[in-house]
Amino acid sequence: MKRVQWLATCLIFPLVLLLSACSADLKDYQGSTPEFNLFEYFEGETKAWGMVQDYTDKQTRRFEVVIVGTVQGDQITLVEDFVFDDGELDQRIWTIDRLADGTYKGRADDIIGEAKGEVVGNALRWQYEFELEVDGSTYAVAFDDWMYRQDDKHLFNLTSIRKFGMEVGTITLFFQKQ
């Protein structure tokens, strides 16, 4: 029995490492257009529609969100008002700073520490730890957002939700600038 466990560990662990190393590289979007300008896109009102899927790809929630962005210098405040398909209402307020090197850092009440973001071409990668509430319990999970600017009004967002390095869910969002 120990030999089978050892063999499984020797075969599965390298495979998991290999698969987790295979991810998109932000540099792949160099030169893609339209160029993503976070402050320009989110200033004013934006609406979004999205869904959450669990690790089996089953849709578990749907939601709409209205986002109002206010820019002051190198900082944008995003007030996000969510309405979920079960009637739940939620609000998140982001404060995002544009740093001298062109990257971003952000804060919100349910974010653990700071979010970090970088733009290349039409893509923004936004990463952070999030306090996810599920059935009355709270879990710290990692969010890896990839936003893609489609045109002046449209933006797509794909998010991987991970716990202990394993994907436990995804979020798909479509944004429309008003």
C-alpha atoms as a PDB file:
ATOM      1  CA  MET A   1       0.000   0.000   0.000  1.00  0.00           C
ATOM      2  CA  LYS A   2       2.821   2.430   0.864  1.00  0.00           C
ATOM      3  CA  ARG A   3       4.419   1.777  -2.516  1.00  0.00           C
ATOM      4  CA  VAL A   4       1.161   2.696  -4.310  1.00  0.00           C
ATOM      5  CA  GLN A   5       0.884   5.929  -2.282  1.00  0.00           C
ATOM      6  CA  TRP A   6       4.532   6.776  -2.992  1.00  0.00           C
ATOM      7  CA  LEU A   7       4.078   6.070  -6.699  1.00  0.00           C
ATOM      8  CA  ALA A   8       0.899   8.174  -6.848  1.00  0.00           C
ATOM      9  CA  THR A   9       2.660  11.031  -5.059  1.00  0.00           C
ATOM     10  CA  CYS A  10       5.642  10.851  -7.419  1.00  0.00           C
ATOM     11  CA  LEU A  11       3.401  10.952 -10.478  1.00  0.00           C
ATOM     12  CA  ILE A  12       0.670  13.359  -9.370  1.00  0.00           C
ATOM     13  CA  PHE A  13       2.766  16.038  -7.606  1.00  0.00           C
ATOM     14  CA  PRO A  14       4.902  16.893 -10.684  1.00  0.00           C
ATOM     15  CA  LEU A  15       1.756  16.934 -12.841  1.00  0.00           C
ATOM     16  CA  VAL A  16       0.037  19.378 -10.464  1.00  0.00           C
ATOM     17  CA  LEU A  17       3.151  21.601 -10.476  1.00  0.00           C
ATOM     18  CA  LEU A  18       3.342  21.505 -14.259  1.00  0.00           C
ATOM     19  CA  LEU A  19      -0.328  22.381 -14.709  1.00  0.00           C
ATOM     20  CA  SER A  20      -0.219  25.186 -12.146  1.00  0.00           C
ATOM     21  CA  ALA A  21       2.791  26.693 -13.933  1.00  0.00           C
ATOM     22  CA  CYS A  22       0.849  26.880 -17.201  1.00  0.00           C
ATOM     23  CA  SER A  23      -0.871  30.239 -17.141  1.00  0.00           C
ATOM     24  CA  ALA A  24      -1.224  33.256 -19.330  1.00  0.00           C
ATOM     25  CA  ASP A  25       1.565  35.809 -19.307  1.00  0.00           C
ATOM     26  CA  LEU A  26       0.567  39.465 -19.229  1.00  0.00           C
ATOM     27  CA  LYS A  27       3.422  40.267 -21.625  1.00  0.00           C
ATOM     28  CA  ASP A  28       1.528  38.311 -24.306  1.00  0.00           C
ATOM     29  CA  TYR A  29      -0.790  41.343 -24.619  1.00  0.00           C
ATOM     30  CA  GLN A  30       1.936  43.851 -25.478  1.00  0.00           C
ATOM     31  CA  GLY A  31       0.690  45.938 -28.405  1.00  0.00           C
ATOM     32  CA  SER A  32      -2.895  44.684 -28.234  1.00  0.00           C
ATOM     33  CA  THR A  33      -5.555  47.346 -28.575  1.00  0.00           C
ATOM     34  CA  PRO A  34      -7.474  49.198 -27.410  1.00  0.00           C
ATOM     35  CA  GLU A  35      -5.016  49.952 -24.642  1.00  0.00           C
ATOM     36  CA  PHE A  36      -6.481  49.427 -21.177  1.00  0.00           C
ATOM     37  CA  ASN A  37      -6.660  52.651 -19.170  1.00  0.00           C
ATOM     38  CA  LEU A  38      -8.165  51.685 -15.805  1.00  0.00           C
ATOM     39  CA  PHE A  39      -9.004  55.238 -14.695  1.00  0.00           C
ATOM     40  CA  GLU A  40     -10.460  56.307 -18.038  1.00  0.00           C
ATOM     41  CA  TYR A  41     -12.626  53.206 -18.397  1.00  0.00           C
ATOM     42  CA  PHE A  42     -14.071  53.195 -14.873  1.00  0.00           C
ATOM     43  CA  GLU A  43     -14.553  56.945 -14.390  1.00  0.00           C
ATOM     44  CA  GLY A  44     -18.307  57.619 -14.294  1.00  0.00           C
ATOM     45  CA  GLU A  45     -20.909  54.847 -14.395  1.00  0.00           C
ATOM     46  CA  THR A  46     -20.355  51.298 -15.586  1.00  0.00           C
ATOM     47  CA  LYS A  47     -22.764  48.362 -15.433  1.00  0.00           C
ATOM     48  CA  ALA A  48     -21.751  44.716 -15.263  1.00  0.00           C
ATOM     49  CA  TRP A  49     -23.388  41.292 -15.345  1.00  0.00           C
ATOM     50  CA  GLY A  50     -21.744  38.179 -14.037  1.00  0.00           C
ATOM     51  CA  MET A  51     -21.918  34.671 -12.735  1.00  0.00           C
ATOM     52  CA  VAL A  52     -20.033  32.525 -10.251  1.00  0.00           C
ATOM     53  CA  GLN A  53     -19.257  28.890 -11.033  1.00  0.00           C
ATOM     54  CA  ASP A  54     -17.945  26.272  -8.629  1.00  0.00           C
ATOM     55  CA  TYR A  55     -15.089  23.832  -9.265  1.00  0.00           C
ATOM     56  CA  THR A  56     -17.438  21.593 -11.318  1.00  0.00           C
ATOM     57  CA  ASP A  57     -18.351  24.556 -13.594  1.00  0.00           C
ATOM     58  CA  LYS A  58     -21.875  24.596 -12.132  1.00  0.00           C
ATOM     59  CA  GLN A  59     -23.313  28.105 -12.049  1.00  0.00           C
ATOM     60  CA  THR A  60     -23.972  28.918  -8.391  1.00  0.00           C
ATOM     61  CA  ARG A  61     -24.875  32.624  -8.507  1.00  0.00           C
ATOM     62  CA  ARG A  62     -25.704  35.404 -10.931  1.00  0.00           C
ATOM     63  CA  PHE A  63     -25.469  39.099 -10.258  1.00  0.00           C
ATOM     64  CA  GLU A  64     -25.605  42.605 -11.631  1.00  0.00           C
ATOM     65  CA  VAL A  65     -23.434  45.458 -10.431  1.00  0.00           C
ATOM     66  CA  VAL A  66     -23.475  49.212 -10.946  1.00  0.00           C
ATOM     67  CA  ILE A  67     -20.062  50.825 -10.524  1.00  0.00           C
ATOM     68  CA  VAL A  68     -19.493  54.546 -10.054  1.00  0.00           C
ATOM     69  CA  GLY A  69     -15.888  55.676 -10.404  1.00  0.00           C
ATOM     70  CA  THR A  70     -14.463  58.977  -9.199  1.00  0.00           C
ATOM     71  CA  VAL A  71     -10.913  59.983 -10.167  1.00  0.00           C
ATOM     72  CA  GLN A  72      -8.810  62.385  -8.120  1.00  0.00           C
ATOM     73  CA  GLY A  73      -5.232  62.631  -9.353  1.00  0.00           C
ATOM     74  CA  ASP A  74      -3.591  59.214  -9.224  1.00  0.00           C
ATOM     75  CA  GLN A  75      -6.444  57.617  -7.275  1.00  0.00           C
ATOM     76  CA  ILE A  76      -9.817  56.230  -8.287  1.00  0.00           C
ATOM     77  CA  THR A  77     -12.629  55.278  -5.945  1.00  0.00           C
ATOM     78  CA  LEU A  78     -15.018  52.631  -7.250  1.00  0.00           C
ATOM     79  CA  VAL A  79     -18.369  52.209  -5.496  1.00  0.00           C
ATOM     80  CA  GLU A  80     -19.772  48.833  -6.562  1.00  0.00           C
ATOM     81  CA  ASP A  81     -23.426  48.051  -5.773  1.00  0.00           C
ATOM     82  CA  PHE A  82     -24.284  44.369  -6.303  1.00  0.00           C
ATOM     83  CA  VAL A  83     -27.707  42.746  -6.733  1.00  0.00           C
ATOM     84  CA  PHE A  84     -27.596  38.940  -6.667  1.00  0.00           C
ATOM     85  CA  ASP A  85     -30.166  36.587  -8.193  1.00  0.00           C
ATOM     86  CA  ASP A  86     -31.350  35.568  -4.709  1.00  0.00           C
ATOM     87  CA  GLY A  87     -32.086  39.208  -3.809  1.00  0.00           C
ATOM     88  CA  GLU A  88     -28.961  39.765  -1.711  1.00  0.00           C
ATOM     89  CA  LEU A  89     -27.534  43.284  -1.911  1.00  0.00           C
ATOM     90  CA  ASP A  90     -23.869  44.037  -1.322  1.00  0.00           C
ATOM     91  CA  GLN A  91     -21.534  46.971  -1.717  1.00  0.00           C
ATOM     92  CA  ARG A  92     -17.778  47.110  -2.129  1.00  0.00           C
ATOM     93  CA  ILE A  93     -15.796  50.329  -2.211  1.00  0.00           C
ATOM     94  CA  TRP A  94     -12.375  50.129  -3.835  1.00  0.00           C
ATOM     95  CA  THR A  95      -9.676  52.767  -3.500  1.00  0.00           C
ATOM     96  CA  ILE A  96      -7.075  52.203  -6.213  1.00  0.00           C
ATOM     97  CA  ASP A  97      -3.793  54.101  -6.558  1.00  0.00           C
ATOM     98  CA  ARG A  98      -1.773  54.419  -9.762  1.00  0.00           C
ATOM     99  CA  LEU A  99       1.897  54.033  -8.826  1.00  0.00           C
ATOM    100  CA  ALA A 100       4.852  55.798 -10.443  1.00  0.00           C
ATOM    101  CA  ASP A 101       5.911  52.598 -12.253  1.00  0.00           C
ATOM    102  CA  GLY A 102       2.471  52.317 -13.907  1.00  0.00           C
ATOM    103  CA  THR A 103       1.203  49.487 -11.708  1.00  0.00           C
ATOM    104  CA  TYR A 104      -1.766  49.720  -9.331  1.00  0.00           C
ATOM    105  CA  LYS A 105      -2.498  48.913  -5.713  1.00  0.00           C
ATOM    106  CA  GLY A 106      -5.971  48.780  -4.217  1.00  0.00           C
ATOM    107  CA  ARG A 107      -7.880  48.348  -1.006  1.00  0.00           C
ATOM    108  CA  ALA A 108     -11.429  47.396  -0.008  1.00  0.00           C
ATOM    109  CA  ASP A 109     -12.983  46.218   3.266  1.00  0.00           C
ATOM    110  CA  ASP A 110     -13.232  42.533   2.303  1.00  0.00           C
ATOM    111  CA  ILE A 111      -9.775  42.417   0.713  1.00  0.00           C
ATOM    112  CA  ILE A 112      -6.947  40.995   2.807  1.00  0.00           C
ATOM    113  CA  GLY A 113      -3.949  43.313   2.494  1.00  0.00           C
ATOM    114  CA  GLU A 114      -3.576  45.076  -0.848  1.00  0.00           C
ATOM    115  CA  ALA A 115      -4.600  44.124  -4.348  1.00  0.00           C
ATOM    116  CA  LYS A 116      -1.944  44.505  -7.020  1.00  0.00           C
ATOM    117  CA  GLY A 117      -2.517  45.167 -10.696  1.00  0.00           C
ATOM    118  CA  GLU A 118      -0.615  45.664 -13.902  1.00  0.00           C
ATOM    119  CA  VAL A 119      -1.708  46.641 -17.408  1.00  0.00           C
ATOM    120  CA  VAL A 120      -0.158  45.524 -20.691  1.00  0.00           C
ATOM    121  CA  GLY A 121      -1.908  46.376 -23.953  1.00  0.00           C
ATOM    122  CA  ASN A 122      -5.637  45.690 -23.628  1.00  0.00           C
ATOM    123  CA  ALA A 123      -5.270  43.483 -20.529  1.00  0.00           C
ATOM    124  CA  LEU A 124      -5.210  44.096 -16.782  1.00  0.00           C
ATOM    125  CA  ARG A 125      -4.194  41.426 -14.292  1.00  0.00           C
ATOM    126  CA  TRP A 126      -5.540  42.171 -10.802  1.00  0.00           C
ATOM    127  CA  GLN A 127      -4.598  39.854  -7.898  1.00  0.00           C
ATOM    128  CA  TYR A 128      -5.660  39.821  -4.258  1.00  0.00           C
ATOM    129  CA  GLU A 129      -6.735  37.780  -1.251  1.00  0.00           C
ATOM    130  CA  PHE A 130     -10.462  37.942  -0.541  1.00  0.00           C
ATOM    131  CA  GLU A 131     -12.653  37.077   2.457  1.00  0.00           C
ATOM    132  CA  LEU A 132     -15.277  34.821   0.858  1.00  0.00           C
ATOM    133  CA  GLU A 133     -18.408  34.103   2.898  1.00  0.00           C
ATOM    134  CA  VAL A 134     -20.050  30.734   2.260  1.00  0.00           C
ATOM    135  CA  ASP A 135     -22.966  29.450   4.354  1.00  0.00           C
ATOM    136  CA  GLY A 136     -22.078  31.636   7.338  1.00  0.00           C
ATOM    137  CA  SER A 137     -18.352  30.812   7.306  1.00  0.00           C
ATOM    138  CA  THR A 138     -15.573  33.030   5.951  1.00  0.00           C
ATOM    139  CA  TYR A 139     -12.649  31.686   3.922  1.00  0.00           C
ATOM    140  CA  ALA A 140      -9.539  33.448   2.674  1.00  0.00           C
ATOM    141  CA  VAL A 141      -9.202  32.756  -1.053  1.00  0.00           C
ATOM    142  CA  ALA A 142      -6.972  34.114  -3.812  1.00  0.00           C
ATOM    143  CA  PHE A 143      -8.574  36.008  -6.709  1.00  0.00           C
ATOM    144  CA  ASP A 144      -6.745  36.261 -10.027  1.00  0.00           C
ATOM    145  CA  ASP A 145      -8.706  38.681 -12.269  1.00  0.00           C
ATOM    146  CA  TRP A 146      -7.926  39.043 -15.958  1.00  0.00           C
ATOM    147  CA  MET A 147      -9.719  41.982 -17.580  1.00  0.00           C
ATOM    148  CA  TYR A 148      -9.702  42.494 -21.338  1.00  0.00           C
ATOM    149  CA  ARG A 149     -10.702  45.762 -22.993  1.00  0.00           C
ATOM    150  CA  GLN A 150     -12.856  44.986 -26.033  1.00  0.00           C
ATOM    151  CA  ASP A 151     -13.640  48.522 -27.242  1.00  0.00           C
ATOM    152  CA  ASP A 152     -14.605  51.938 -25.806  1.00  0.00           C
ATOM    153  CA  LYS A 153     -17.642  50.565 -23.967  1.00  0.00           C
ATOM    154  CA  HIS A 154     -17.030  46.848 -23.323  1.00  0.00           C
ATOM    155  CA  LEU A 155     -14.758  44.916 -21.012  1.00  0.00           C
ATOM    156  CA  PHE A 156     -14.564  41.199 -20.204  1.00  0.00           C
ATOM    157  CA  ASN A 157     -13.352  39.768 -16.900  1.00  0.00           C
ATOM    158  CA  LEU A 158     -12.400  36.191 -16.050  1.00  0.00           C
ATOM    159  CA  THR A 159     -11.502  35.394 -12.447  1.00  0.00           C
ATOM    160  CA  SER A 160      -9.936  32.280 -11.000  1.00  0.00           C
ATOM    161  CA  ILE A 161     -10.736  31.698  -7.323  1.00  0.00           C
ATOM    162  CA  ARG A 162      -8.112  29.544  -5.576  1.00  0.00           C
ATOM    163  CA  LYS A 163      -7.660  27.969  -2.169  1.00  0.00           C
ATOM    164  CA  PHE A 164      -4.362  26.215  -1.354  1.00  0.00           C
ATOM    165  CA  GLY A 165      -3.353  26.721  -4.998  1.00  0.00           C
ATOM    166  CA  MET A 166      -6.315  24.748  -6.336  1.00  0.00           C
ATOM    167  CA  GLU A 167      -9.081  26.390  -8.362  1.00  0.00           C
ATOM    168  CA  VAL A 168     -12.346  26.237  -6.399  1.00  0.00           C
ATOM    169  CA  GLY A 169     -14.402  28.512  -8.636  1.00  0.00           C
ATOM    170  CA  THR A 170     -14.531  31.104 -11.376  1.00  0.00           C
ATOM    171  CA  ILE A 171     -16.275  34.391 -12.021  1.00  0.00           C
ATOM    172  CA  THR A 172     -17.194  35.662 -15.481  1.00  0.00           C
ATOM    173  CA  LEU A 173     -18.167  39.326 -15.868  1.00  0.00           C
ATOM    174  CA  PHE A 174     -19.197  41.537 -18.769  1.00  0.00           C
ATOM    175  CA  PHE A 175     -18.893  45.312 -18.311  1.00  0.00           C
ATOM    176  CA  GLN A 176     -20.576  48.089 -20.278  1.00  0.00           C
ATOM    177  CA  LYS A 177     -19.541  51.726 -19.872  1.00  0.00           C
ATOM    178  CA  GLN A 178     -22.614  53.951 -19.613  1.00  0.00           C
END
